[in-house]
């Protein structure tokens, strides 16, 4: 069995910025109810350099975050440590930066993806907008059938990597 981590980040107090955390919370509930082994969860307001140590313990990592991008509802992209950029602040770091640190500091490079969840409203208010809620439901409908297979070494991780290209 491979160890898989879903890591949601964002600010639930800013409407759709909480999409990543909401996705992880709902997926975790499903995994717990159906007793699916090998799938783990974590969340935070933002990614930090300390997350490099956290992801070093997993074979596969899916970061989940709200997106401003011109995508329809959600998409999935592979994260490569070579895409890491020099950060001018340690207030927040990118998934590629965390993966690059993991590789450099711990000698680990989990297969990593970023789930982009399309958001629309960002004001200071709790709760997802109705359109973001629909996008969240579509992403859950995509991932739930895959959960029993994500931790298997012999199965491909994802049957389809959903490109964010329009």
Protein backbone atom coordinates (compact mmCIF):
# COMPACT_ATOMS: atom_id res chain seq x y z
CA UNK A 1 0.00 0.00 0.00
CA UNK A 2 1.18 3.48 -0.82
CA UNK A 3 0.52 6.39 1.51
CA UNK A 4 -1.50 9.21 -0.05
CA UNK A 5 -1.94 12.70 1.41
CA UNK A 6 -4.63 15.20 0.44
CA UNK A 7 -3.53 18.62 1.68
CA UNK A 8 -6.07 21.46 1.43
CA UNK A 9 -5.16 25.06 2.01
CA UNK A 10 -6.88 28.42 1.93
CA UNK A 11 -8.90 30.77 4.11
CA UNK A 12 -12.49 29.65 4.81
CA UNK A 13 -13.19 33.16 6.13
CA UNK A 14 -12.81 34.52 2.58
CA UNK A 15 -15.66 32.69 0.81
CA UNK A 16 -14.34 30.55 -2.05
CA UNK A 17 -10.74 30.73 -0.79
CA UNK A 18 -11.84 27.90 1.52
CA UNK A 19 -12.43 25.47 -1.39
CA UNK A 20 -9.27 23.43 -0.76
CA UNK A 21 -10.04 22.92 2.91
CA UNK A 22 -13.72 22.12 2.20
CA UNK A 23 -12.68 19.54 -0.39
CA UNK A 24 -10.33 17.83 2.07
CA UNK A 25 -12.89 17.86 4.90
CA UNK A 26 -15.58 16.25 2.75
CA UNK A 27 -13.24 13.69 1.24
CA UNK A 28 -11.92 12.81 4.69
CA UNK A 29 -15.48 12.23 5.92
CA UNK A 30 -16.11 9.84 3.02
CA UNK A 31 -12.85 7.95 3.64
CA UNK A 32 -13.64 7.59 7.34
CA UNK A 33 -17.23 6.43 6.69
CA UNK A 34 -16.07 3.84 4.16
CA UNK A 35 -12.94 2.82 6.09
CA UNK A 36 -10.57 3.31 3.16
CA UNK A 37 -6.96 2.64 4.16
CA UNK A 38 -3.86 4.55 3.09
CA UNK A 39 -5.50 7.93 2.51
CA UNK A 40 -4.50 10.75 4.87
CA UNK A 41 -5.51 14.40 5.20
CA UNK A 42 -4.13 17.71 6.37
CA UNK A 43 -5.03 21.37 5.91
CA UNK A 44 -3.86 24.85 6.75
CA UNK A 45 -4.41 28.47 5.76
CA UNK A 46 -1.31 28.38 3.55
CA UNK A 47 1.62 26.17 2.65
CA UNK A 48 4.74 26.60 4.78
CA UNK A 49 8.32 25.41 4.52
CA UNK A 50 7.59 22.95 7.35
CA UNK A 51 5.24 21.10 5.00
CA UNK A 52 8.31 19.69 3.22
CA UNK A 53 8.85 17.42 6.23
CA UNK A 54 5.17 16.46 6.31
CA UNK A 55 5.01 15.38 2.66
CA UNK A 56 8.29 13.42 2.97
CA UNK A 57 6.29 10.64 4.68
CA UNK A 58 3.99 10.04 1.68
CA UNK A 59 4.27 8.39 -1.72
CA UNK A 60 1.64 10.59 -3.36
CA UNK A 61 0.45 14.08 -2.47
CA UNK A 62 -2.47 16.07 -3.82
CA UNK A 63 -2.48 19.73 -2.80
CA UNK A 64 -5.97 21.28 -3.06
CA UNK A 65 -6.51 25.01 -3.46
CA UNK A 66 -9.00 27.58 -4.74
CA UNK A 67 -8.16 29.10 -8.11
CA UNK A 68 -8.71 32.43 -9.87
CA UNK A 69 -7.68 30.80 -13.17
CA UNK A 70 -9.84 30.78 -16.28
CA UNK A 71 -10.87 27.15 -15.84
CA UNK A 72 -14.37 25.72 -16.03
CA UNK A 73 -14.72 24.01 -12.64
CA UNK A 74 -11.58 22.15 -11.52
CA UNK A 75 -8.41 20.74 -12.99
CA UNK A 76 -5.39 18.78 -11.89
CA UNK A 77 -1.77 19.49 -12.74
CA UNK A 78 1.39 17.66 -11.84
CA UNK A 79 3.78 19.52 -9.51
CA UNK A 80 7.49 19.35 -10.34
CA UNK A 81 10.25 20.51 -7.99
CA UNK A 82 11.97 22.03 -11.02
CA UNK A 83 9.10 24.55 -11.19
CA UNK A 84 10.04 25.99 -7.78
CA UNK A 85 10.70 29.71 -7.81
CA UNK A 86 12.72 31.76 -5.39
CA UNK A 87 10.24 33.14 -2.89
CA UNK A 88 10.69 36.67 -1.58
CA UNK A 89 8.55 35.97 1.47
CA UNK A 90 8.21 32.94 3.68
CA UNK A 91 4.66 34.01 4.48
CA UNK A 92 3.41 31.56 1.85
CA UNK A 93 5.12 29.14 -0.53
CA UNK A 94 4.06 27.25 -3.66
CA UNK A 95 3.51 23.48 -3.89
CA UNK A 96 6.55 23.21 -6.19
CA UNK A 97 8.68 24.99 -3.60
CA UNK A 98 7.52 22.58 -0.86
CA UNK A 99 8.27 19.55 -3.08
CA UNK A 100 11.69 20.97 -3.99
CA UNK A 101 12.52 21.49 -0.28
CA UNK A 102 11.33 17.95 0.47
CA UNK A 103 13.68 16.58 -2.18
CA UNK A 104 16.64 18.70 -1.02
CA UNK A 105 16.21 18.29 2.74
CA UNK A 106 14.82 14.77 3.09
CA UNK A 107 15.83 13.05 -0.14
CA UNK A 108 12.17 12.30 -0.89
CA UNK A 109 10.12 13.24 -3.94
CA UNK A 110 6.52 12.09 -3.63
CA UNK A 111 4.49 12.11 -6.83
CA UNK A 112 2.60 15.38 -6.42
CA UNK A 113 -0.37 17.10 -8.03
CA UNK A 114 -2.27 20.33 -7.47
CA UNK A 115 -6.06 20.28 -7.61
CA UNK A 116 -7.21 23.73 -8.81
CA UNK A 117 -10.81 24.41 -7.70
CA UNK A 118 -12.44 27.34 -9.48
CA UNK A 119 -13.63 30.05 -7.08
CA UNK A 120 -15.58 33.24 -7.73
CA UNK A 121 -16.13 35.22 -4.53
CA UNK A 122 -13.32 36.27 -2.17
CA UNK A 123 -14.80 38.77 0.30
CA UNK A 124 -14.50 38.34 4.06
CA UNK A 125 -17.42 36.01 4.71
CA UNK A 126 -17.68 32.33 5.56
CA UNK A 127 -19.29 29.80 3.27
CA UNK A 128 -18.73 28.91 -0.35
CA UNK A 129 -20.56 30.67 -3.16
CA UNK A 130 -23.18 28.52 -4.94
CA UNK A 131 -21.04 28.23 -8.10
CA UNK A 132 -17.95 27.21 -6.09
CA UNK A 133 -20.06 24.62 -4.24
CA UNK A 134 -21.00 23.08 -7.61
CA UNK A 135 -17.33 22.93 -8.63
CA UNK A 136 -16.50 21.28 -5.32
CA UNK A 137 -19.19 18.65 -5.91
CA UNK A 138 -17.81 17.93 -9.40
CA UNK A 139 -14.30 17.45 -8.02
CA UNK A 140 -15.59 15.12 -5.30
CA UNK A 141 -17.52 13.13 -7.92
CA UNK A 142 -14.25 12.69 -9.82
CA UNK A 143 -12.13 11.62 -6.83
CA UNK A 144 -14.52 9.48 -4.74
CA UNK A 145 -14.56 6.55 -7.23
CA UNK A 146 -10.75 6.61 -7.29
CA UNK A 147 -10.22 6.43 -3.53
CA UNK A 148 -10.03 2.64 -3.28
CA UNK A 149 -7.28 2.60 -5.92
CA UNK A 150 -5.12 5.58 -4.96
CA UNK A 151 -2.97 3.64 -2.53
CA UNK A 152 -2.29 0.67 -4.81
CA UNK A 153 1.19 0.52 -6.31
CA UNK A 154 0.08 -1.49 -9.33
CA UNK A 155 -2.71 0.90 -10.37
CA UNK A 156 -1.97 4.16 -12.14
CA UNK A 157 -2.45 7.03 -9.74
CA UNK A 158 -5.02 8.86 -11.80
CA UNK A 159 -6.71 7.58 -14.92
CA UNK A 160 -6.72 11.10 -16.29
CA UNK A 161 -4.73 14.16 -15.43
CA UNK A 162 -7.09 17.02 -16.05
CA UNK A 163 -5.24 19.82 -17.75
CA UNK A 164 -5.89 23.43 -16.79
CA UNK A 165 -5.27 24.57 -20.36
CA UNK A 166 -8.32 26.05 -22.06
